[in-house]
PDB file of all heavy atoms in Angstrom:
ATOM      1  N   LEU A   1       0.806  -1.219   0.000  1.00  0.00           N
ATOM      2  CA  LEU A   1       0.000   0.000   0.000  1.00  0.00           C
ATOM      3  C   LEU A   1       0.840   1.270   0.000  1.00  0.00           C
ATOM      4  O   LEU A   1       0.339   2.340  -0.349  1.00  0.00           O
ATOM      5  CB  LEU A   1      -0.934   0.005   1.215  1.00  0.00           C
ATOM      6  CG  LEU A   1      -1.963  -1.126   1.230  1.00  0.00           C
ATOM      7  CD1 LEU A   1      -2.749  -1.110   2.535  1.00  0.00           C
ATOM      8  CD2 LEU A   1      -2.913  -1.032   0.043  1.00  0.00           C
ATOM      9  N   VAL A   2       2.107   1.176   0.383  1.00  0.00           N
ATOM     10  CA  VAL A   2       2.954   2.374   0.429  1.00  0.00           C
ATOM     11  C   VAL A   2       3.071   3.028  -0.945  1.00  0.00           C
ATOM     12  O   VAL A   2       2.893   4.251  -1.067  1.00  0.00           O
ATOM     13  CB  VAL A   2       4.332   2.050   1.032  1.00  0.00           C
ATOM     14  CG1 VAL A   2       5.250   3.259   0.949  1.00  0.00           C
ATOM     15  CG2 VAL A   2       4.183   1.617   2.490  1.00  0.00           C
ATOM     16  N   PRO A   3       3.341   2.286  -2.030  1.00  0.00           N
ATOM     17  CA  PRO A   3       3.428   2.967  -3.330  1.00  0.00           C
ATOM     18  C   PRO A   3       2.090   3.514  -3.818  1.00  0.00           C
ATOM     19  O   PRO A   3       2.067   4.486  -4.584  1.00  0.00           O
ATOM     20  CB  PRO A   3       3.956   1.886  -4.278  1.00  0.00           C
ATOM     21  CG  PRO A   3       3.660   0.599  -3.608  1.00  0.00           C
ATOM     22  CD  PRO A   3       3.732   0.874  -2.141  1.00  0.00           C
ATOM     23  N   LEU A   4       0.981   2.935  -3.387  1.00  0.00           N
ATOM     24  CA  LEU A   4      -0.320   3.481  -3.763  1.00  0.00           C
ATOM     25  C   LEU A   4      -0.592   4.803  -3.051  1.00  0.00           C
ATOM     26  O   LEU A   4      -1.115   5.751  -3.626  1.00  0.00           O
ATOM     27  CB  LEU A   4      -1.435   2.477  -3.437  1.00  0.00           C
ATOM     28  CG  LEU A   4      -1.574   1.255  -4.342  1.00  0.00           C
ATOM     29  CD1 LEU A   4      -2.710   0.365  -3.854  1.00  0.00           C
ATOM     30  CD2 LEU A   4      -1.840   1.673  -5.782  1.00  0.00           C
ATOM     31  N   PHE A   5      -0.215   4.876  -1.772  1.00  0.00           N
ATOM     32  CA  PHE A   5      -0.474   6.082  -0.975  1.00  0.00           C
ATOM     33  C   PHE A   5       0.516   7.202  -1.294  1.00  0.00           C
ATOM     34  O   PHE A   5       0.184   8.389  -1.183  1.00  0.00           O
ATOM     35  CB  PHE A   5      -0.414   5.736   0.515  1.00  0.00           C
ATOM     36  CG  PHE A   5      -0.631   6.915   1.416  1.00  0.00           C
ATOM     37  CD1 PHE A   5      -1.858   7.559   1.470  1.00  0.00           C
ATOM     38  CD2 PHE A   5       0.402   7.391   2.203  1.00  0.00           C
ATOM     39  CE1 PHE A   5      -2.061   8.650   2.302  1.00  0.00           C
ATOM     40  CE2 PHE A   5       0.207   8.489   3.037  1.00  0.00           C
ATOM     41  CZ  PHE A   5      -1.025   9.115   3.086  1.00  0.00           C
ATOM     42  N   CYS A   6       1.732   6.853  -1.689  1.00  0.00           N
ATOM     43  CA  CYS A   6       2.781   7.841  -2.017  1.00  0.00           C
ATOM     44  C   CYS A   6       3.022   8.826  -0.874  1.00  0.00           C
ATOM     45  O   CYS A   6       2.742  10.031  -0.997  1.00  0.00           O
ATOM     46  CB  CYS A   6       2.418   8.602  -3.297  1.00  0.00           C
ATOM     47  SG  CYS A   6       2.250   7.579  -4.754  1.00  0.00           S
ATOM     48  N   PRO A   7       3.519   8.358   0.259  1.00  0.00           N
ATOM     49  CA  PRO A   7       3.696   9.247   1.418  1.00  0.00           C
ATOM     50  C   PRO A   7       4.748  10.313   1.173  1.00  0.00           C
ATOM     51  O   PRO A   7       5.742  10.089   0.476  1.00  0.00           O
ATOM     52  CB  PRO A   7       4.129   8.288   2.526  1.00  0.00           C
ATOM     53  CG  PRO A   7       4.722   7.123   1.805  1.00  0.00           C
ATOM     54  CD  PRO A   7       3.960   6.986   0.528  1.00  0.00           C
ATOM     55  N   SER A   8       4.527  11.471   1.758  1.00  0.00           N
ATOM     56  CA  SER A   8       5.474  12.576   1.644  1.00  0.00           C
ATOM     57  C   SER A   8       6.613  12.405   2.650  1.00  0.00           C
ATOM     58  O   SER A   8       6.483  11.653   3.628  1.00  0.00           O
ATOM     59  CB  SER A   8       4.760  13.898   1.924  1.00  0.00           C
ATOM     60  OG  SER A   8       4.315  13.935   3.279  1.00  0.00           O
ATOM     61  N   PRO A   9       7.741  13.090   2.470  1.00  0.00           N
ATOM     62  CA  PRO A   9       8.819  13.024   3.464  1.00  0.00           C
ATOM     63  C   PRO A   9       8.374  13.455   4.850  1.00  0.00           C
ATOM     64  O   PRO A   9       8.818  12.885   5.851  1.00  0.00           O
ATOM     65  CB  PRO A   9       9.878  13.972   2.883  1.00  0.00           C
ATOM     66  CG  PRO A   9       9.631  13.963   1.405  1.00  0.00           C
ATOM     67  CD  PRO A   9       8.137  13.844   1.257  1.00  0.00           C
ATOM     68  N   SER A  10       7.497  14.458   4.951  1.00  0.00           N
ATOM     69  CA  SER A  10       7.029  14.902   6.269  1.00  0.00           C
ATOM     70  C   SER A  10       6.209  13.817   6.955  1.00  0.00           C
ATOM     71  O   SER A  10       6.295  13.627   8.176  1.00  0.00           O
ATOM     72  CB  SER A  10       6.210  16.185   6.135  1.00  0.00           C
ATOM     73  OG  SER A  10       5.058  15.967   5.341  1.00  0.00           O
ATOM     74  N   TYR A  11       5.408  13.102   6.178  1.00  0.00           N
ATOM     75  CA  TYR A  11       4.643  11.989   6.747  1.00  0.00           C
ATOM     76  C   TYR A  11       5.596  10.910   7.263  1.00  0.00           C
ATOM     77  O   TYR A  11       5.431  10.387   8.368  1.00  0.00           O
ATOM     78  CB  TYR A  11       3.695  11.399   5.707  1.00  0.00           C
ATOM     79  CG  TYR A  11       2.926  10.193   6.211  1.00  0.00           C
ATOM     80  CD1 TYR A  11       1.752  10.353   6.935  1.00  0.00           C
ATOM     81  CD2 TYR A  11       3.401   8.907   5.993  1.00  0.00           C
ATOM     82  CE1 TYR A  11       1.067   9.253   7.428  1.00  0.00           C
ATOM     83  CE2 TYR A  11       2.732   7.806   6.482  1.00  0.00           C
ATOM     84  CZ  TYR A  11       1.554   7.985   7.191  1.00  0.00           C
ATOM     85  OH  TYR A  11       0.880   6.895   7.693  1.00  0.00           O
ATOM     86  N   PHE A  12       6.612  10.569   6.468  1.00  0.00           N
ATOM     87  CA  PHE A  12       7.585   9.569   6.885  1.00  0.00           C
ATOM     88  C   PHE A  12       8.256   9.978   8.197  1.00  0.00           C
ATOM     89  O   PHE A  12       8.402   9.166   9.115  1.00  0.00           O
ATOM     90  CB  PHE A  12       8.637   9.385   5.791  1.00  0.00           C
ATOM     91  CG  PHE A  12       9.846   8.619   6.238  1.00  0.00           C
ATOM     92  CD1 PHE A  12       9.783   7.252   6.442  1.00  0.00           C
ATOM     93  CD2 PHE A  12      11.050   9.272   6.467  1.00  0.00           C
ATOM     94  CE1 PHE A  12      10.901   6.546   6.867  1.00  0.00           C
ATOM     95  CE2 PHE A  12      12.161   8.572   6.887  1.00  0.00           C
ATOM     96  CZ  PHE A  12      12.094   7.205   7.085  1.00  0.00           C
ATOM     97  N   CYS A  13       8.650  11.243   8.308  1.00  0.00           N
ATOM     98  CA  CYS A  13       9.320  11.715   9.524  1.00  0.00           C
ATOM     99  C   CYS A  13       8.415  11.604  10.745  1.00  0.00           C
ATOM    100  O   CYS A  13       8.857  11.219  11.830  1.00  0.00           O
ATOM    101  CB  CYS A  13       9.787  13.157   9.338  1.00  0.00           C
ATOM    102  SG  CYS A  13      11.134  13.339   8.148  1.00  0.00           S
ATOM    103  N   SER A  14       7.120  11.909  10.571  1.00  0.00           N
ATOM    104  CA  SER A  14       6.198  11.837  11.706  1.00  0.00           C
ATOM    105  C   SER A  14       6.007  10.395  12.167  1.00  0.00           C
ATOM    106  O   SER A  14       5.940  10.116  13.364  1.00  0.00           O
ATOM    107  CB  SER A  14       4.847  12.449  11.336  1.00  0.00           C
ATOM    108  OG  SER A  14       4.170  11.677  10.358  1.00  0.00           O
ATOM    109  N   VAL A  15       5.956   9.455  11.216  1.00  0.00           N
ATOM    110  CA  VAL A  15       5.801   8.046  11.579  1.00  0.00           C
ATOM    111  C   VAL A  15       7.051   7.536  12.282  1.00  0.00           C
ATOM    112  O   VAL A  15       6.977   6.822  13.286  1.00  0.00           O
ATOM    113  CB  VAL A  15       5.491   7.198  10.331  1.00  0.00           C
ATOM    114  CG1 VAL A  15       5.573   5.708  10.650  1.00  0.00           C
ATOM    115  CG2 VAL A  15       4.104   7.519   9.809  1.00  0.00           C
ATOM    116  N   MET A  16       8.225   7.888  11.784  1.00  0.00           N
ATOM    117  CA  MET A  16       9.452   7.419  12.399  1.00  0.00           C
ATOM    118  C   MET A  16       9.626   8.004  13.800  1.00  0.00           C
ATOM    119  O   MET A  16      10.114   7.329  14.706  1.00  0.00           O
ATOM    120  CB  MET A  16      10.650   7.770  11.520  1.00  0.00           C
ATOM    121  CG  MET A  16      10.679   7.032  10.186  1.00  0.00           C
ATOM    122  SD  MET A  16      10.535   5.232  10.354  1.00  0.00           S
ATOM    123  CE  MET A  16      12.048   4.845  11.237  1.00  0.00           C
ATOM    124  N   ARG A  17       9.188   9.251  13.987  1.00  0.00           N
ATOM    125  CA  ARG A  17       9.253   9.834  15.320  1.00  0.00           C
ATOM    126  C   ARG A  17       8.380   9.027  16.283  1.00  0.00           C
ATOM    127  O   ARG A  17       8.797   8.715  17.404  1.00  0.00           O
ATOM    128  CB  ARG A  17       8.803  11.291  15.288  1.00  0.00           C
ATOM    129  CG  ARG A  17       8.808  11.958  16.658  1.00  0.00           C
ATOM    130  CD  ARG A  17       8.273  13.383  16.596  1.00  0.00           C
ATOM    131  NE  ARG A  17       8.275  14.002  17.909  1.00  0.00           N
ATOM    132  CZ  ARG A  17       7.312  13.826  18.825  1.00  0.00           C
ATOM    133  NH1 ARG A  17       6.289  13.033  18.558  1.00  0.00           N
ATOM    134  NH2 ARG A  17       7.393  14.425  19.999  1.00  0.00           N
ATOM    135  N   GLU A  18       7.180   8.687  15.845  1.00  0.00           N
ATOM    136  CA  GLU A  18       6.288   7.901  16.696  1.00  0.00           C
ATOM    137  C   GLU A  18       6.900   6.534  17.000  1.00  0.00           C
ATOM    138  O   GLU A  18       6.811   6.044  18.130  1.00  0.00           O
ATOM    139  CB  GLU A  18       4.932   7.723  16.008  1.00  0.00           C
ATOM    140  CG  GLU A  18       3.923   6.944  16.847  1.00  0.00           C
ATOM    141  CD  GLU A  18       2.574   6.809  16.156  1.00  0.00           C
ATOM    142  OE1 GLU A  18       2.388   7.397  15.080  1.00  0.00           O
ATOM    143  OE2 GLU A  18       1.710   6.090  16.697  1.00  0.00           O
ATOM    144  N   GLN A  19       7.556   5.937  16.011  1.00  0.00           N
ATOM    145  CA  GLN A  19       8.164   4.632  16.231  1.00  0.00           C
ATOM    146  C   GLN A  19       9.282   4.716  17.267  1.00  0.00           C
ATOM    147  O   GLN A  19       9.377   3.862  18.152  1.00  0.00           O
ATOM    148  CB  GLN A  19       8.708   4.071  14.925  1.00  0.00           C
ATOM    149  CG  GLN A  19       9.396   2.710  15.114  1.00  0.00           C
ATOM    150  CD  GLN A  19       9.471   1.909  13.843  1.00  0.00           C
ATOM    151  OE1 GLN A  19       8.842   2.244  12.861  1.00  0.00           O
ATOM    152  NE2 GLN A  19      10.236   0.847  13.873  1.00  0.00           N
ATOM    153  N   PHE A  20      10.120   5.745  17.179  1.00  0.00           N
ATOM    154  CA  PHE A  20      11.221   5.874  18.135  1.00  0.00           C
ATOM    155  C   PHE A  20      10.700   6.139  19.546  1.00  0.00           C
ATOM    156  O   PHE A  20      11.243   5.621  20.525  1.00  0.00           O
ATOM    157  CB  PHE A  20      12.183   6.969  17.691  1.00  0.00           C
ATOM    158  CG  PHE A  20      13.095   6.567  16.569  1.00  0.00           C
ATOM    159  CD1 PHE A  20      13.140   7.304  15.399  1.00  0.00           C
ATOM    160  CD2 PHE A  20      13.900   5.434  16.679  1.00  0.00           C
ATOM    161  CE1 PHE A  20      13.968   6.924  14.350  1.00  0.00           C
ATOM    162  CE2 PHE A  20      14.731   5.055  15.631  1.00  0.00           C
ATOM    163  CZ  PHE A  20      14.764   5.801  14.465  1.00  0.00           C
ATOM    164  N   VAL A  21       9.636   6.933  19.660  1.00  0.00           N
ATOM    165  CA  VAL A  21       9.053   7.208  20.982  1.00  0.00           C
ATOM    166  C   VAL A  21       8.532   5.921  21.598  1.00  0.00           C
ATOM    167  O   VAL A  21       8.764   5.626  22.778  1.00  0.00           O
ATOM    168  CB  VAL A  21       7.938   8.264  20.865  1.00  0.00           C
ATOM    169  CG1 VAL A  21       7.132   8.337  22.157  1.00  0.00           C
ATOM    170  CG2 VAL A  21       8.524   9.629  20.534  1.00  0.00           C
ATOM    171  N   ARG A  22       7.825   5.118  20.799  1.00  0.00           N
ATOM    172  CA  ARG A  22       7.290   3.867  21.336  1.00  0.00           C
ATOM    173  C   ARG A  22       8.401   2.885  21.682  1.00  0.00           C
ATOM    174  O   ARG A  22       8.308   2.159  22.685  1.00  0.00           O
ATOM    175  CB  ARG A  22       6.331   3.247  20.329  1.00  0.00           C
ATOM    176  CG  ARG A  22       5.033   4.026  20.189  1.00  0.00           C
ATOM    177  CD  ARG A  22       3.989   3.192  19.487  1.00  0.00           C
ATOM    178  NE  ARG A  22       2.750   3.937  19.322  1.00  0.00           N
ATOM    179  CZ  ARG A  22       1.636   3.398  18.867  1.00  0.00           C
ATOM    180  NH1 ARG A  22       1.603   2.126  18.537  1.00  0.00           N
ATOM    181  NH2 ARG A  22       0.540   4.120  18.743  1.00  0.00           N
ATOM    182  N   ALA A  23       9.442   2.838  20.858  1.00  0.00           N
ATOM    183  CA  ALA A  23      10.562   1.949  21.150  1.00  0.00           C
ATOM    184  C   ALA A  23      11.228   2.352  22.467  1.00  0.00           C
ATOM    185  O   ALA A  23      11.588   1.492  23.284  1.00  0.00           O
ATOM    186  CB  ALA A  23      11.571   1.978  20.007  1.00  0.00           C
ATOM    187  N   TYR A  24      11.371   3.652  22.679  1.00  0.00           N
ATOM    188  CA  TYR A  24      11.969   4.144  23.930  1.00  0.00           C
ATOM    189  C   TYR A  24      11.110   3.748  25.130  1.00  0.00           C
ATOM    190  O   TYR A  24      11.618   3.333  26.176  1.00  0.00           O
ATOM    191  CB  TYR A  24      12.121   5.662  23.849  1.00  0.00           C
ATOM    192  CG  TYR A  24      12.668   6.286  25.110  1.00  0.00           C
ATOM    193  CD1 TYR A  24      14.037   6.227  25.410  1.00  0.00           C
ATOM    194  CD2 TYR A  24      11.824   6.936  26.010  1.00  0.00           C
ATOM    195  CE1 TYR A  24      14.536   6.802  26.568  1.00  0.00           C
ATOM    196  CE2 TYR A  24      12.319   7.514  27.168  1.00  0.00           C
ATOM    197  CZ  TYR A  24      13.678   7.442  27.443  1.00  0.00           C
ATOM    198  OH  TYR A  24      14.165   7.995  28.581  1.00  0.00           O
ATOM    199  N   ARG A  25       9.793   3.856  24.979  1.00  0.00           N
ATOM    200  CA  ARG A  25       8.905   3.469  26.068  1.00  0.00           C
ATOM    201  C   ARG A  25       8.984   1.969  26.358  1.00  0.00           C
ATOM    202  O   ARG A  25       8.938   1.545  27.509  1.00  0.00           O
ATOM    203  CB  ARG A  25       7.467   3.860  25.728  1.00  0.00           C
ATOM    204  CG  ARG A  25       7.210   5.367  25.772  1.00  0.00           C
ATOM    205  CD  ARG A  25       5.813   5.693  25.292  1.00  0.00           C
ATOM    206  NE  ARG A  25       5.557   7.121  25.350  1.00  0.00           N
ATOM    207  CZ  ARG A  25       4.496   7.704  24.807  1.00  0.00           C
ATOM    208  NH1 ARG A  25       3.589   6.969  24.163  1.00  0.00           N
ATOM    209  NH2 ARG A  25       4.332   9.009  24.908  1.00  0.00           N
ATOM    210  N   ARG A  26       9.098   1.161  25.293  1.00  0.00           N
ATOM    211  CA  ARG A  26       9.219  -0.278  25.508  1.00  0.00           C
ATOM    212  C   ARG A  26      10.496  -0.606  26.274  1.00  0.00           C
ATOM    213  O   ARG A  26      10.495  -1.434  27.180  1.00  0.00           O
ATOM    214  CB  ARG A  26       9.213  -1.024  24.167  1.00  0.00           C
ATOM    215  CG  ARG A  26       7.844  -1.176  23.543  1.00  0.00           C
ATOM    216  CD  ARG A  26       7.814  -2.364  22.597  1.00  0.00           C
ATOM    217  NE  ARG A  26       8.826  -2.282  21.545  1.00  0.00           N
ATOM    218  CZ  ARG A  26       8.617  -1.697  20.367  1.00  0.00           C
ATOM    219  NH1 ARG A  26       7.450  -1.133  20.106  1.00  0.00           N
ATOM    220  NH2 ARG A  26       9.567  -1.664  19.462  1.00  0.00           N
ATOM    221  N   ILE A  27      11.588   0.059  25.897  1.00  0.00           N
ATOM    222  CA  ILE A  27      12.849  -0.179  26.589  1.00  0.00           C
ATOM    223  C   ILE A  27      12.732   0.193  28.061  1.00  0.00           C
ATOM    224  O   ILE A  27      13.256  -0.483  28.940  1.00  0.00           O
ATOM    225  CB  ILE A  27      13.993   0.618  25.918  1.00  0.00           C
ATOM    226  CG1 ILE A  27      14.265   0.067  24.512  1.00  0.00           C
ATOM    227  CG2 ILE A  27      15.265   0.559  26.758  1.00  0.00           C
ATOM    228  CD1 ILE A  27      15.201   0.920  23.690  1.00  0.00           C
ATOM    229  N   GLY A  28      11.981   1.266  28.344  1.00  0.00           N
ATOM    230  CA  GLY A  28      11.789   1.701  29.718  1.00  0.00           C
ATOM    231  C   GLY A  28      10.744   0.933  30.475  1.00  0.00           C
ATOM    232  O   GLY A  28      10.506   1.200  31.660  1.00  0.00           O
ATOM    233  N   GLY A  29      10.078  -0.009  29.802  1.00  0.00           N
ATOM    234  CA  GLY A  29       9.089  -0.835  30.488  1.00  0.00           C
ATOM    235  C   GLY A  29       7.705  -0.238  30.559  1.00  0.00           C
ATOM    236  O   GLY A  29       6.819  -0.802  31.212  1.00  0.00           O
ATOM    237  N   SER A  30       7.465   0.918  29.892  1.00  0.00           N
ATOM    238  CA  SER A  30       6.155   1.561  29.986  1.00  0.00           C
ATOM    239  C   SER A  30       5.302   1.359  28.744  1.00  0.00           C
ATOM    240  O   SER A  30       4.219   1.907  28.644  1.00  0.00           O
ATOM    241  CB  SER A  30       6.319   3.065  30.231  1.00  0.00           C
ATOM    242  OG  SER A  30       7.027   3.670  29.163  1.00  0.00           O
ATOM    243  N   GLY A  31       5.800   0.586  27.787  1.00  0.00           N
ATOM    244  CA  GLY A  31       5.023   0.321  26.578  1.00  0.00           C
ATOM    245  C   GLY A  31       4.943  -1.165  26.297  1.00  0.00           C
ATOM    246  O   GLY A  31       5.558  -1.659  25.369  1.00  0.00           O
ATOM    247  N   PRO A  32       4.204  -1.928  27.101  1.00  0.00           N
ATOM    248  CA  PRO A  32       4.255  -3.395  27.036  1.00  0.00           C
ATOM    249  C   PRO A  32       3.383  -4.024  25.961  1.00  0.00           C
ATOM    250  O   PRO A  32       3.317  -5.240  25.881  1.00  0.00           O
ATOM    251  CB  PRO A  32       3.740  -3.790  28.426  1.00  0.00           C
ATOM    252  CG  PRO A  32       2.736  -2.721  28.754  1.00  0.00           C
ATOM    253  CD  PRO A  32       3.313  -1.445  28.175  1.00  0.00           C
ATOM    254  N   SER A  33       2.706  -3.243  25.129  1.00  0.00           N
ATOM    255  CA  SER A  33       1.699  -3.807  24.243  1.00  0.00           C
ATOM    256  C   SER A  33       2.249  -4.883  23.316  1.00  0.00           C
ATOM    257  O   SER A  33       1.551  -5.826  22.978  1.00  0.00           O
ATOM    258  CB  SER A  33       1.064  -2.696  23.401  1.00  0.00           C
ATOM    259  OG  SER A  33       0.352  -1.799  24.208  1.00  0.00           O
ATOM    260  N   TYR A  34       3.491  -4.759  22.884  1.00  0.00           N
ATOM    261  CA  TYR A  34       4.027  -5.708  21.923  1.00  0.00           C
ATOM    262  C   TYR A  34       5.137  -6.569  22.519  1.00  0.00           C
ATOM    263  O   TYR A  34       5.957  -7.119  21.786  1.00  0.00           O
ATOM    264  CB  TYR A  34       4.545  -4.965  20.683  1.00  0.00           C
ATOM    265  CG  TYR A  34       3.481  -4.177  19.973  1.00  0.00           C
ATOM    266  CD1 TYR A  34       3.707  -2.858  19.585  1.00  0.00           C
ATOM    267  CD2 TYR A  34       2.237  -4.744  19.696  1.00  0.00           C
ATOM    268  CE1 TYR A  34       2.717  -2.130  18.939  1.00  0.00           C
ATOM    269  CE2 TYR A  34       1.250  -4.020  19.048  1.00  0.00           C
ATOM    270  CZ  TYR A  34       1.502  -2.718  18.672  1.00  0.00           C
ATOM    271  OH  TYR A  34       0.521  -2.003  18.029  1.00  0.00           O
ATOM    272  N   ASN A  35       5.175  -6.702  23.835  1.00  0.00           N
ATOM    273  CA  ASN A  35       6.239  -7.476  24.454  1.00  0.00           C
ATOM    274  C   ASN A  35       6.146  -8.970  24.142  1.00  0.00           C
ATOM    275  O   ASN A  35       7.090  -9.712  24.379  1.00  0.00           O
ATOM    276  CB  ASN A  35       6.239  -7.277  25.970  1.00  0.00           C
ATOM    277  CG  ASN A  35       6.863  -5.944  26.360  1.00  0.00           C
ATOM    278  OD1 ASN A  35       7.342  -5.215  25.513  1.00  0.00           O
ATOM    279  ND2 ASN A  35       6.837  -5.631  27.639  1.00  0.00           N
ATOM    280  N   HIS A  36       4.986  -9.419  23.628  1.00  0.00           N
ATOM    281  CA  HIS A  36       4.863 -10.834  23.283  1.00  0.00           C
ATOM    282  C   HIS A  36       5.517 -11.147  21.941  1.00  0.00           C
ATOM    283  O   HIS A  36       5.575 -12.301  21.541  1.00  0.00           O
ATOM    284  CB  HIS A  36       3.391 -11.241  23.248  1.00  0.00           C
ATOM    285  CG  HIS A  36       2.567 -10.496  22.243  1.00  0.00           C
ATOM    286  ND1 HIS A  36       2.328  -9.146  22.325  1.00  0.00           N
ATOM    287  CD2 HIS A  36       1.937 -10.909  21.121  1.00  0.00           C
ATOM    288  CE1 HIS A  36       1.573  -8.761  21.316  1.00  0.00           C
ATOM    289  NE2 HIS A  36       1.329  -9.812  20.566  1.00  0.00           N
ATOM    290  N   LEU A  37       6.022 -10.139  21.261  1.00  0.00           N
ATOM    291  CA  LEU A  37       6.696 -10.330  19.977  1.00  0.00           C
ATOM    292  C   LEU A  37       8.199 -10.205  20.205  1.00  0.00           C
ATOM    293  O   LEU A  37       8.699  -9.145  20.550  1.00  0.00           O
ATOM    294  CB  LEU A  37       6.223  -9.286  18.971  1.00  0.00           C
ATOM    295  CG  LEU A  37       4.720  -9.265  18.720  1.00  0.00           C
ATOM    296  CD1 LEU A  37       4.341  -8.064  17.887  1.00  0.00           C
ATOM    297  CD2 LEU A  37       4.274 -10.539  18.046  1.00  0.00           C
ATOM    298  N   HIS A  38       8.916 -11.292  20.011  1.00  0.00           N
ATOM    299  CA  HIS A  38      10.311 -11.329  20.436  1.00  0.00           C
ATOM    300  C   HIS A  38      11.306 -11.114  19.293  1.00  0.00           C
ATOM    301  O   HIS A  38      12.413 -10.643  19.520  1.00  0.00           O
ATOM    302  CB  HIS A  38      10.605 -12.669  21.123  1.00  0.00           C
ATOM    303  CG  HIS A  38       9.722 -12.926  22.301  1.00  0.00           C
ATOM    304  ND1 HIS A  38       9.695 -12.098  23.407  1.00  0.00           N
ATOM    305  CD2 HIS A  38       8.809 -13.899  22.530  1.00  0.00           C
ATOM    306  CE1 HIS A  38       8.807 -12.566  24.285  1.00  0.00           C
ATOM    307  NE2 HIS A  38       8.266 -13.647  23.772  1.00  0.00           N
ATOM    308  N   LYS A  39      10.938 -11.472  18.073  1.00  0.00           N
ATOM    309  CA  LYS A  39      11.876 -11.308  16.975  1.00  0.00           C
ATOM    310  C   LYS A  39      12.031  -9.827  16.624  1.00  0.00           C
ATOM    311  O   LYS A  39      11.154  -9.022  16.892  1.00  0.00           O
ATOM    312  CB  LYS A  39      11.402 -12.080  15.751  1.00  0.00           C
ATOM    313  CG  LYS A  39      11.351 -13.588  15.945  1.00  0.00           C
ATOM    314  CD  LYS A  39      10.864 -14.266  14.675  1.00  0.00           C
ATOM    315  CE  LYS A  39      10.765 -15.765  14.862  1.00  0.00           C
ATOM    316  NZ  LYS A  39      10.262 -16.441  13.639  1.00  0.00           N
ATOM    317  N   LYS A  40      13.115  -9.509  15.991  1.00  0.00           N
ATOM    318  CA  LYS A  40      13.384  -8.130  15.608  1.00  0.00           C
ATOM    319  C   LYS A  40      13.635  -8.045  14.103  1.00  0.00           C
ATOM    320  O   LYS A  40      14.339  -8.873  13.533  1.00  0.00           O
ATOM    321  CB  LYS A  40      14.606  -7.572  16.349  1.00  0.00           C
ATOM    322  CG  LYS A  40      14.489  -7.654  17.867  1.00  0.00           C
ATOM    323  CD  LYS A  40      13.385  -6.768  18.401  1.00  0.00           C
ATOM    324  CE  LYS A  40      13.307  -6.853  19.923  1.00  0.00           C
ATOM    325  NZ  LYS A  40      12.197  -6.048  20.461  1.00  0.00           N
ATOM    326  N   LEU A  41      13.068  -7.047  13.477  1.00  0.00           N
ATOM    327  CA  LEU A  41      13.340  -6.767  12.067  1.00  0.00           C
ATOM    328  C   LEU A  41      13.716  -5.292  11.981  1.00  0.00           C
ATOM    329  O   LEU A  41      12.845  -4.426  11.916  1.00  0.00           O
ATOM    330  CB  LEU A  41      12.117  -7.060  11.208  1.00  0.00           C
ATOM    331  CG  LEU A  41      12.333  -6.936   9.697  1.00  0.00           C
ATOM    332  CD1 LEU A  41      13.346  -7.970   9.223  1.00  0.00           C
ATOM    333  CD2 LEU A  41      11.017  -7.147   8.956  1.00  0.00           C
ATOM    334  N   PRO A  42      15.005  -4.969  12.018  1.00  0.00           N
ATOM    335  CA  PRO A  42      15.424  -3.564  12.143  1.00  0.00           C
ATOM    336  C   PRO A  42      14.967  -2.711  10.960  1.00  0.00           C
ATOM    337  O   PRO A  42      14.988  -3.149   9.812  1.00  0.00           O
ATOM    338  CB  PRO A  42      16.955  -3.665  12.191  1.00  0.00           C
ATOM    339  CG  PRO A  42      17.235  -5.077  12.607  1.00  0.00           C
ATOM    340  CD  PRO A  42      16.135  -5.892  12.031  1.00  0.00           C
ATOM    341  N   PHE A  43      14.556  -1.505  11.288  1.00  0.00           N
ATOM    342  CA  PHE A  43      14.257  -0.473  10.286  1.00  0.00           C
ATOM    343  C   PHE A  43      13.199  -0.911   9.269  1.00  0.00           C
ATOM    344  O   PHE A  43      13.286  -0.593   8.086  1.00  0.00           O
ATOM    345  CB  PHE A  43      15.539  -0.050   9.559  1.00  0.00           C
ATOM    346  CG  PHE A  43      16.647   0.338  10.481  1.00  0.00           C
ATOM    347  CD1 PHE A  43      17.786  -0.440  10.589  1.00  0.00           C
ATOM    348  CD2 PHE A  43      16.543   1.483  11.261  1.00  0.00           C
ATOM    349  CE1 PHE A  43      18.813  -0.077  11.450  1.00  0.00           C
ATOM    350  CE2 PHE A  43      17.557   1.850  12.121  1.00  0.00           C
ATOM    351  CZ  PHE A  43      18.695   1.077  12.224  1.00  0.00           C
ATOM    352  N   ALA A  44      12.181  -1.635   9.739  1.00  0.00           N
ATOM    353  CA  ALA A  44      11.157  -2.124   8.814  1.00  0.00           C
ATOM    354  C   ALA A  44      10.437  -0.975   8.118  1.00  0.00           C
ATOM    355  O   ALA A  44      10.250  -0.996   6.896  1.00  0.00           O
ATOM    356  CB  ALA A  44      10.154  -2.996   9.563  1.00  0.00           C
ATOM    357  N   ASN A  45      10.027   0.051   8.868  1.00  0.00           N
ATOM    358  CA  ASN A  45       9.297   1.150   8.251  1.00  0.00           C
ATOM    359  C   ASN A  45      10.187   1.980   7.329  1.00  0.00           C
ATOM    360  O   ASN A  45       9.715   2.531   6.327  1.00  0.00           O
ATOM    361  CB  ASN A  45       8.660   2.039   9.326  1.00  0.00           C
ATOM    362  CG  ASN A  45       7.411   1.413   9.910  1.00  0.00           C
ATOM    363  OD1 ASN A  45       6.738   0.637   9.239  1.00  0.00           O
ATOM    364  ND2 ASN A  45       7.115   1.735  11.162  1.00  0.00           N
TER     365      ASN A  45
END
């Protein structure tokens, strides 16, 4: 769907910011929603 939507650079930056914030919260133990997923796929977005 990414090529159909054609996201702008500003949209990409906002999504990556949200991803880093959530990753930081998970590391700190305050974002447990996805703790049942153990594998890692770096830089997927």
